Protein backbone atom coordinates (compact mmCIF):
# COMPACT_ATOMS: atom_id res chain seq x y z
CA MET A 1 82.92 74.78 85.17
CA LYS A 2 82.39 76.58 81.86
CA ASN A 3 79.46 78.51 83.35
CA ILE A 4 81.69 79.68 86.22
CA ILE A 5 84.38 80.93 83.82
CA GLU A 6 81.71 82.80 81.86
CA ASN A 7 80.34 84.46 85.01
CA LYS A 8 81.39 88.12 84.99
CA TRP A 9 81.43 88.44 88.79
CA PHE A 10 83.60 85.36 89.20
CA LEU A 11 86.08 86.74 86.68
CA LEU A 12 85.98 90.14 88.37
CA ILE A 13 86.84 88.72 91.80
CA ILE A 14 89.59 86.37 90.56
CA ILE A 15 91.27 89.14 88.57
CA ALA A 16 90.96 91.58 91.48
CA VAL A 17 92.60 89.17 93.93
CA THR A 18 95.35 88.30 91.47
CA TRP A 19 96.15 91.85 90.41
CA GLY A 20 95.63 93.19 93.92
CA SER A 21 98.47 90.93 95.03
CA SER A 22 100.73 92.16 92.23
CA PHE A 23 101.80 95.29 94.08
CA ILE A 24 103.26 93.45 97.07
CA LEU A 25 104.99 91.04 94.69
CA ILE A 26 106.52 93.97 92.81
CA LYS A 27 107.68 95.39 96.14
CA LYS A 28 109.38 92.12 97.09
CA SER A 29 110.97 91.79 93.64
CA LEU A 30 112.45 95.30 93.87
CA PHE A 31 114.72 94.18 96.69
CA VAL A 32 116.89 92.51 94.05
CA PHE A 33 115.80 93.50 90.54
CA SER A 34 115.53 96.90 88.86
CA PRO A 35 112.17 98.26 87.62
CA PHE A 36 113.17 97.68 83.99
CA GLN A 37 114.20 94.09 84.73
CA ILE A 38 110.87 93.43 86.43
CA GLY A 39 108.84 94.90 83.57
CA ALA A 40 110.88 93.17 80.86
CA TYR A 41 110.80 89.81 82.66
CA ARG A 42 107.00 89.91 83.00
CA VAL A 43 106.38 90.65 79.32
CA ALA A 44 109.17 88.44 77.94
CA ILE A 45 108.30 85.33 79.96
CA SER A 46 104.58 85.80 79.31
CA GLY A 47 105.39 86.04 75.61
CA ILE A 48 107.43 82.84 75.72
CA LEU A 49 104.67 81.00 77.57
CA LEU A 50 101.96 82.18 75.15
CA ALA A 51 103.98 82.14 71.91
CA TYR A 52 102.50 78.81 70.81
CA ILE A 53 99.12 80.57 70.79
CA GLY A 54 100.38 83.97 69.71
CA PHE A 55 102.25 83.08 66.52
CA PRO A 56 99.37 81.16 64.86
CA ALA A 57 96.95 83.92 65.91
CA LEU A 58 99.16 86.63 64.41
CA LYS A 59 99.42 84.80 61.08
CA LYS A 60 95.63 84.77 60.72
CA MET A 61 95.17 88.48 61.47
CA THR A 62 94.65 91.19 58.89
CA LYS A 63 96.98 94.20 58.88
CA LYS A 64 94.26 96.33 60.42
CA THR A 65 93.64 93.87 63.26
CA LEU A 66 97.38 93.50 63.80
CA PHE A 67 97.69 97.28 64.15
CA TRP A 68 95.13 97.35 66.94
CA VAL A 69 96.73 94.33 68.63
CA VAL A 70 100.13 96.04 68.67
CA LEU A 71 98.56 99.22 70.03
CA THR A 72 96.66 97.29 72.70
CA GLY A 73 99.86 95.59 73.83
CA PHE A 74 101.75 98.87 73.95
CA PHE A 75 99.22 100.57 76.21
CA GLY A 76 97.97 97.59 78.19
CA ASN A 77 100.89 95.18 78.47
CA PHE A 78 104.16 96.97 77.78
CA ILE A 79 104.30 100.52 79.17
CA PRO A 80 102.41 99.86 82.47
CA MET A 81 104.72 96.93 83.27
CA TYR A 82 107.58 99.42 83.63
CA LEU A 83 105.65 102.33 85.10
CA PHE A 84 104.45 100.42 88.16
CA PRO A 85 107.84 99.13 89.39
CA ILE A 86 109.45 102.51 88.67
CA ALA A 87 106.76 104.20 90.75
CA GLN A 88 107.06 101.65 93.55
CA THR A 89 110.69 102.54 94.12
CA ARG A 90 109.21 105.54 95.99
CA VAL A 91 105.52 104.72 96.39
CA SER A 92 104.19 102.03 98.74
CA SER A 93 102.47 98.93 97.37
CA SER A 94 99.21 99.95 99.07
CA LEU A 95 99.23 103.39 97.50
CA ALA A 96 99.99 101.95 94.05
CA GLY A 97 97.01 99.63 94.39
CA ILE A 98 94.79 102.48 95.54
CA LEU A 99 95.73 104.75 92.64
CA ASP A 100 95.06 101.92 90.21
CA SER A 101 91.35 102.40 90.96
CA LEU A 102 91.39 105.39 88.60
CA VAL A 103 91.05 103.13 85.54
CA PRO A 104 87.21 103.28 85.33
CA VAL A 105 87.30 107.07 85.45
CA PHE A 106 89.73 107.15 82.54
CA VAL A 107 87.59 104.63 80.65
CA LEU A 108 84.60 106.94 80.93
CA ILE A 109 86.56 110.05 79.95
CA LEU A 110 88.72 108.57 77.19
CA GLY A 111 85.83 106.47 75.90
CA PHE A 112 83.95 109.68 75.19
CA PHE A 113 86.85 111.56 73.60
CA LEU A 114 88.41 108.67 71.63
CA PHE A 115 85.39 106.61 70.60
CA GLY A 116 82.37 108.82 71.24
CA ILE A 117 80.97 106.53 73.94
CA LYS A 118 78.33 108.21 76.07
CA SER A 119 77.77 106.99 79.63
CA LYS A 120 74.67 107.40 81.76
CA TRP A 121 74.84 109.56 84.86
CA LEU A 122 74.52 106.49 87.11
CA GLN A 123 77.79 105.08 85.77
CA VAL A 124 79.51 108.42 86.25
CA LEU A 125 78.15 108.61 89.79
CA GLY A 126 79.40 105.09 90.52
CA ALA A 127 82.85 105.94 89.20
CA LEU A 128 82.98 109.10 91.30
CA ILE A 129 81.84 107.31 94.47
CA GLY A 130 84.43 104.61 93.93
CA PHE A 131 87.06 107.26 93.34
CA VAL A 132 86.07 109.03 96.58
CA GLY A 133 86.49 105.72 98.40
CA ALA A 134 89.92 105.28 96.86
CA GLY A 135 90.75 108.86 97.80
CA ILE A 136 89.85 108.20 101.43
CA LEU A 137 92.08 105.13 101.47
CA MET A 138 94.89 107.11 99.85
CA TYR A 139 94.59 110.02 102.28
CA PHE A 140 94.75 107.75 105.31
CA SER A 141 97.47 105.39 104.07
CA GLU A 142 100.58 107.29 105.12
CA THR A 143 100.88 109.10 101.79
CA THR A 144 102.54 112.05 103.49
CA SER A 145 105.65 110.04 104.32
CA GLU A 146 108.96 110.81 102.68
CA GLU A 147 108.69 107.62 100.64
CA SER A 148 105.62 108.93 98.80
CA LYS A 149 106.58 111.26 95.99
CA LEU A 150 103.97 112.98 93.82
CA GLY A 151 105.91 112.50 90.58
CA TYR A 152 106.19 108.76 91.13
CA ALA A 153 102.52 108.52 92.12
CA LEU A 154 101.63 110.22 88.84
CA LEU A 155 103.41 107.40 87.00
CA VAL A 156 100.78 105.05 88.42
CA VAL A 157 98.07 107.44 87.24
CA LEU A 158 99.62 107.40 83.75
CA ALA A 159 99.63 103.60 83.82
CA THR A 160 95.91 103.54 84.66
CA ALA A 161 95.22 105.82 81.70
CA CYS A 162 97.15 103.38 79.49
CA TYR A 163 95.06 100.49 80.80
CA ALA A 164 91.90 102.41 79.96
CA VAL A 165 93.02 103.02 76.37
CA ALA A 166 93.79 99.31 75.94
CA ALA A 167 90.41 98.28 77.36
CA LEU A 168 88.59 100.61 74.98
CA ILE A 169 90.53 99.36 71.95
CA ILE A 170 89.75 95.75 72.83
CA LYS A 171 86.04 96.42 73.13
CA GLU A 172 85.73 98.71 70.12
CA LYS A 173 88.22 97.16 67.66
CA LEU A 174 89.06 93.60 68.79
CA GLN A 175 85.71 92.27 69.97
CA ASN A 176 85.82 89.31 67.56
CA VAL A 177 89.30 88.08 68.56
CA PRO A 178 89.08 85.31 71.22
CA SER A 179 90.62 86.44 74.50
CA ILE A 180 93.29 83.71 74.66
CA GLN A 181 94.39 84.42 71.06
CA LEU A 182 94.44 88.15 71.76
CA SER A 183 96.55 87.65 74.89
CA GLY A 184 98.95 85.35 73.09
CA ALA A 185 99.31 87.74 70.16
CA VAL A 186 99.86 90.78 72.35
CA PHE A 187 102.61 89.21 74.44
CA THR A 188 104.23 87.57 71.42
CA VAL A 189 104.53 90.94 69.67
CA TRP A 190 106.11 92.66 72.68
CA MET A 191 108.21 89.67 73.75
CA VAL A 192 111.17 90.58 71.51
CA PRO A 193 111.72 94.18 72.70
CA SER A 194 111.26 93.00 76.28
CA LEU A 195 113.90 90.28 75.84
CA LEU A 196 116.30 92.89 74.49
CA ILE A 197 115.65 95.15 77.48
CA LEU A 198 116.14 92.19 79.81
CA ILE A 199 119.49 91.33 78.19
CA PHE A 200 120.85 94.89 78.14
CA SER A 201 119.67 95.54 81.71
CA GLY A 202 122.21 93.00 82.95
CA PHE A 203 119.61 90.54 84.21
CA PHE A 204 121.64 87.53 83.08
CA THR A 205 125.20 88.84 83.46
CA ASN A 206 124.63 90.26 86.96
CA PHE A 207 122.47 87.43 88.27
CA GLU A 208 123.74 86.30 91.69
CA THR A 209 122.93 82.80 92.91
CA ASN A 210 122.07 83.52 96.52
CA ALA A 211 118.99 82.98 98.67
CA GLN A 212 117.73 86.56 98.36
CA THR A 213 117.96 86.53 94.57
CA TRP A 214 116.15 83.22 94.23
CA GLU A 215 113.43 84.40 96.62
CA ALA A 216 112.91 87.59 94.62
CA LEU A 217 112.88 85.59 91.39
CA GLY A 218 110.19 83.37 92.92
CA TYR A 219 108.01 86.40 93.68
CA LEU A 220 108.63 87.76 90.20
CA SER A 221 107.76 84.44 88.56
CA ILE A 222 104.47 84.20 90.50
CA LEU A 223 103.73 87.76 89.48
CA THR A 224 104.47 86.93 85.84
CA ILE A 225 102.57 83.66 85.50
CA LEU A 226 99.50 84.45 87.60
CA GLY A 227 99.41 88.25 87.62
CA THR A 228 100.37 88.78 83.99
CA ALA A 229 99.85 85.86 81.60
CA ILE A 230 96.79 84.17 83.13
CA ALA A 231 95.14 87.29 84.55
CA ILE A 232 95.40 89.14 81.22
CA ILE A 233 93.59 86.32 79.43
CA LEU A 234 90.77 86.47 81.98
CA TYR A 235 90.70 90.28 81.83
CA TYR A 236 90.40 90.35 78.04
CA LYS A 237 87.62 87.79 78.27
CA LEU A 238 85.83 89.95 80.85
CA ILE A 239 86.09 93.00 78.58
CA GLN A 240 84.67 91.10 75.61
CA ASN A 241 81.85 89.57 77.68
CA THR A 242 80.82 92.86 79.29
CA THR A 243 82.06 96.42 78.67
CA PRO A 244 85.35 98.29 79.28
CA VAL A 245 83.66 100.22 82.09
CA PHE A 246 82.53 97.11 83.94
CA ALA A 247 85.83 95.31 83.35
CA SER A 248 87.78 98.30 84.60
CA THR A 249 85.84 98.26 87.86
CA VAL A 250 88.08 95.35 88.82
CA THR A 251 90.47 98.08 89.90
CA TYR A 252 88.00 99.24 92.54
CA LEU A 253 88.65 95.97 94.37
CA LEU A 254 92.42 96.19 93.99
CA PRO A 255 92.90 98.71 96.83
CA LEU A 256 91.20 96.34 99.27
CA VAL A 257 93.51 93.48 98.34
CA ALA A 258 96.58 95.73 98.21
CA VAL A 259 95.81 97.21 101.63
CA ILE A 260 95.33 93.76 103.16
CA TRP A 261 98.75 92.72 101.88
CA GLY A 262 100.12 96.00 103.18
CA ILE A 263 98.75 95.28 106.64
CA LEU A 264 100.29 91.82 106.61
CA ASP A 265 103.56 93.49 105.64
CA GLY A 266 103.38 95.84 108.62
CA GLU A 267 101.60 98.86 107.16
CA LYS A 268 99.12 101.02 109.06
CA PHE A 269 95.39 100.19 109.31
CA SER A 270 92.48 102.34 110.45
CA LEU A 271 88.68 102.42 110.34
CA TRP A 272 88.96 104.84 107.41
CA TYR A 273 89.97 101.80 105.35
CA VAL A 274 86.59 100.25 106.11
CA LEU A 275 84.73 103.40 105.00
CA GLY A 276 86.80 103.67 101.84
CA GLY A 277 86.26 100.00 101.06
CA LEU A 278 82.48 100.27 101.47
CA LEU A 279 82.36 103.27 99.16
CA ILE A 280 84.36 101.36 96.57
CA LEU A 281 81.95 98.42 96.73
CA TRP A 282 79.02 100.81 96.36
CA GLY A 283 80.67 102.32 93.33
CA ILE A 284 81.03 98.86 91.77
CA TYR A 285 77.33 98.22 92.32
CA LEU A 286 76.33 101.45 90.58
CA ILE A 287 78.73 101.08 87.68
CA ARG A 288 77.81 97.46 87.02
CA GLU A 289 77.52 96.56 83.34
CA LYS A 290 74.26 97.19 81.56
CA LYS A 291 74.55 97.43 77.81
CA LYS A 292 71.81 100.00 77.63
CA TYR A 293 73.90 102.30 79.81
CA ILE A 294 76.56 102.78 77.14
CA GLN A 295 75.56 104.03 73.73
CA PRO A 296 77.69 105.32 70.87
CA LEU A 297 77.19 108.96 70.02
CA ALA A 298 75.51 109.69 66.70
CA LYS A 299 77.97 110.57 63.96
């Protein structure tokens, strides 16, 4: 069992399926809850669940490590949790999942500018091919409908850039912090502001005990426990075991999962989805982790 958990491809697939399902769960939760309530609930509950790990981990950290942990949580676990549900008030769940595939591209670009990480041309080619596949899926997924607004779609793009920054910080600055301790610490730090947002958003005072509310809360709870708390632990472990570029390629699989859920929810399907999916898988193959492919620039 331990060997399976350590396997990078197993982790990649599990995270992709879990996170790929997050977009449809956000969509279902939005029928009752506001974007800020969804984001705050995810971070706050995850913090509560992981606090017994987070508090001891925080006490052992140096001020420098704590700084990077707070920054990682801000970019990887706090801001994106609000950006996605805000965007999905106007953008379909399928499109949100498709745009999330931009993370590896941002890892390559920001890795160079922020940390001086140089990537081989094969990785860049893989990222571009995967992005083309995502672009095909996006173009043929009813993005021209009135419900798809460019400004809201750009919020998803901003969220992917935030994820890339967090992935790079973890690999470059927090490599020696065990993934479960890192996850616990991150959510514990951002639990308090999220609880405050949840309280002031009227989550508790305006909660209505009817079937629709409980159903939406069920979707939100699944999203929080599986798609946030557990998936983040596995994702951090994947980053530490491989590289930010390889770990971020999990988002190349997300469009496939998101589109499947979209189809089950009545969204359009065409053969272009097959072509886009194959290109994404090819991109993953080319961008696969090889430590010799990523070298720090001389300083």
